[in-house]
C-alpha atoms as a PDB file:
ATOM      1  CA  MET A   1       6.031 -17.656   1.220  1.00  0.00           C
ATOM      2  CA  ARG A   2       2.459 -18.259   2.307  1.00  0.00           C
ATOM      3  CA  ARG A   3       0.539 -15.091   3.286  1.00  0.00           C
ATOM      4  CA  ILE A   4      -1.920 -15.360   6.151  1.00  0.00           C
ATOM      5  CA  GLU A   5      -4.148 -12.628   7.517  1.00  0.00           C
ATOM      6  CA  LEU A   6      -5.643 -12.682  11.013  1.00  0.00           C
ATOM      7  CA  ASP A   7      -8.559 -10.413  11.925  1.00  0.00           C
ATOM      8  CA  GLY A   8      -8.604  -9.227  15.538  1.00  0.00           C
ATOM      9  CA  ARG A   9     -12.333  -8.507  15.258  1.00  0.00           C
ATOM     10  CA  LYS A  10     -12.957 -12.250  14.977  1.00  0.00           C
ATOM     11  CA  MET A  11     -11.216 -12.984  18.285  1.00  0.00           C
ATOM     12  CA  ASP A  12     -13.677 -11.856  20.965  1.00  0.00           C
ATOM     13  CA  THR A  13     -12.954 -14.751  23.328  1.00  0.00           C
ATOM     14  CA  ARG A  14     -10.008 -17.063  23.842  1.00  0.00           C
ATOM     15  CA  ALA A  15     -11.927 -19.888  22.184  1.00  0.00           C
ATOM     16  CA  MET A  16     -12.845 -17.727  19.178  1.00  0.00           C
ATOM     17  CA  ALA A  17      -9.257 -16.480  18.910  1.00  0.00           C
ATOM     18  CA  HIS A  18      -7.824 -19.973  18.782  1.00  0.00           C
ATOM     19  CA  GLN A  19     -10.505 -21.156  16.342  1.00  0.00           C
ATOM     20  CA  HIS A  20      -9.785 -18.241  13.993  1.00  0.00           C
ATOM     21  CA  ILE A  21      -6.037 -18.836  14.244  1.00  0.00           C
ATOM     22  CA  LYS A  22      -6.494 -22.576  13.660  1.00  0.00           C
ATOM     23  CA  GLU A  23      -8.557 -21.986  10.536  1.00  0.00           C
ATOM     24  CA  ALA A  24      -6.406 -19.173   9.138  1.00  0.00           C
ATOM     25  CA  LEU A  25      -3.115 -21.011   9.673  1.00  0.00           C
ATOM     26  CA  GLY A  26      -4.485 -24.424   8.703  1.00  0.00           C
ATOM     27  CA  LEU A  27      -3.417 -25.982  11.995  1.00  0.00           C
ATOM     28  CA  PRO A  28      -4.005 -29.689  12.573  1.00  0.00           C
ATOM     29  CA  GLU A  29      -7.100 -31.091  14.302  1.00  0.00           C
ATOM     30  CA  TYR A  30      -5.021 -31.981  17.358  1.00  0.00           C
ATOM     31  CA  TYR A  31      -4.098 -28.303  17.918  1.00  0.00           C
ATOM     32  CA  GLY A  32      -4.519 -27.750  21.669  1.00  0.00           C
ATOM     33  CA  SER A  33      -6.001 -24.222  21.493  1.00  0.00           C
ATOM     34  CA  ASN A  34      -3.580 -22.707  23.983  1.00  0.00           C
ATOM     35  CA  LEU A  35      -0.473 -20.540  23.841  1.00  0.00           C
ATOM     36  CA  ASP A  36       2.016 -23.413  24.193  1.00  0.00           C
ATOM     37  CA  ALA A  37       0.332 -25.380  21.415  1.00  0.00           C
ATOM     38  CA  LEU A  38       0.321 -22.298  19.203  1.00  0.00           C
ATOM     39  CA  HIS A  39       4.041 -21.777  19.756  1.00  0.00           C
ATOM     40  CA  ASP A  40       4.727 -25.421  18.928  1.00  0.00           C
ATOM     41  CA  CYS A  41       2.670 -25.252  15.725  1.00  0.00           C
ATOM     42  CA  LEU A  42       4.308 -22.004  14.627  1.00  0.00           C
ATOM     43  CA  GLY A  43       7.674 -23.688  15.137  1.00  0.00           C
ATOM     44  CA  GLU A  44       6.663 -26.345  12.621  1.00  0.00           C
ATOM     45  CA  MET A  45       5.285 -24.000   9.941  1.00  0.00           C
ATOM     46  CA  ALA A  46       7.294 -23.588   6.780  1.00  0.00           C
ATOM     47  CA  GLY A  47       7.543 -20.125   5.241  1.00  0.00           C
ATOM     48  CA  ALA A  48       4.704 -17.906   6.371  1.00  0.00           C
ATOM     49  CA  HIS A  49       4.030 -14.170   6.441  1.00  0.00           C
ATOM     50  CA  ILE A  50       1.341 -13.570   9.081  1.00  0.00           C
ATOM     51  CA  THR A  51      -0.399 -10.198   9.311  1.00  0.00           C
ATOM     52  CA  LEU A  52      -2.615  -9.265  12.234  1.00  0.00           C
ATOM     53  CA  ARG A  53      -5.196  -6.607  11.431  1.00  0.00           C
ATOM     54  CA  TYR A  54      -7.462  -4.896  13.951  1.00  0.00           C
ATOM     55  CA  ALA A  55      -5.079  -5.660  16.806  1.00  0.00           C
ATOM     56  CA  ASN A  56      -6.823  -3.046  18.959  1.00  0.00           C
ATOM     57  CA  ALA A  57     -10.084  -4.984  18.729  1.00  0.00           C
ATOM     58  CA  LEU A  58      -8.219  -8.065  19.921  1.00  0.00           C
ATOM     59  CA  ARG A  59      -6.598  -6.143  22.780  1.00  0.00           C
ATOM     60  CA  ASN A  60      -9.924  -4.601  23.819  1.00  0.00           C
ATOM     61  CA  ALA A  61     -11.618  -7.998  23.875  1.00  0.00           C
ATOM     62  CA  LEU A  62      -8.895 -10.096  25.513  1.00  0.00           C
ATOM     63  CA  GLY A  63      -6.674  -7.640  27.409  1.00  0.00           C
ATOM     64  CA  VAL A  64      -3.577  -9.296  28.845  1.00  0.00           C
ATOM     65  CA  TYR A  65      -4.274 -12.537  26.990  1.00  0.00           C
ATOM     66  CA  ALA A  66      -4.157 -10.635  23.697  1.00  0.00           C
ATOM     67  CA  GLN A  67      -0.680  -9.365  24.565  1.00  0.00           C
ATOM     68  CA  GLN A  68       0.422 -12.901  25.423  1.00  0.00           C
ATOM     69  CA  LEU A  69      -0.994 -14.172  22.140  1.00  0.00           C
ATOM     70  CA  ILE A  70       0.820 -11.484  20.158  1.00  0.00           C
ATOM     71  CA  ARG A  71       4.033 -12.253  22.047  1.00  0.00           C
ATOM     72  CA  VAL A  72       3.811 -15.909  20.958  1.00  0.00           C
ATOM     73  CA  PHE A  73       3.713 -14.815  17.310  1.00  0.00           C
ATOM     74  CA  GLU A  74       6.562 -12.332  17.834  1.00  0.00           C
ATOM     75  CA  ASP A  75       8.723 -14.901  19.632  1.00  0.00           C
ATOM     76  CA  ALA A  76       8.129 -17.521  16.943  1.00  0.00           C
ATOM     77  CA  ALA A  77       9.054 -14.998  14.237  1.00  0.00           C
ATOM     78  CA  ARG A  78      12.295 -14.167  16.066  1.00  0.00           C
ATOM     79  CA  GLU A  79      13.157 -17.854  16.305  1.00  0.00           C
ATOM     80  CA  ARG A  80      12.584 -18.610  12.614  1.00  0.00           C
ATOM     81  CA  ALA A  81      13.978 -16.825   9.592  1.00  0.00           C
ATOM     82  CA  ASP A  82      11.139 -18.108   7.382  1.00  0.00           C
ATOM     83  CA  LEU A  83       8.334 -16.776   9.620  1.00  0.00           C
ATOM     84  CA  VAL A  84       7.275 -13.122   9.526  1.00  0.00           C
ATOM     85  CA  PHE A  85       4.708 -11.555  11.843  1.00  0.00           C
ATOM     86  CA  VAL A  86       3.464  -7.987  11.471  1.00  0.00           C
ATOM     87  CA  ILE A  87       0.671  -5.946  12.996  1.00  0.00           C
ATOM     88  CA  LYS A  88      -1.042  -3.590  10.569  1.00  0.00           C
ATOM     89  CA  ALA A  89      -3.527  -0.847  11.180  1.00  0.00           C
ATOM     90  CA  PRO A  90      -6.841  -1.450   9.394  1.00  0.00           C
END
């Protein structure tokens, strides 16, 4: 299983969040940098363990959008047995 770590401190804006996610997850160039595109890409990933660190920094920077972003990861993990998403304190 591939291990991926996301850093909430690197996601100060929506654009920065999606760029960091794209790079960390190795998403394709055509990734649409929005929540629907993220959900679609997560649905196509094979075997991944994704850890979000510094979630509070993400929440402080993006507020409601941060919660929506986290929910996309949580929903995708519920839908797939080979996808794990966890939030860890720093």
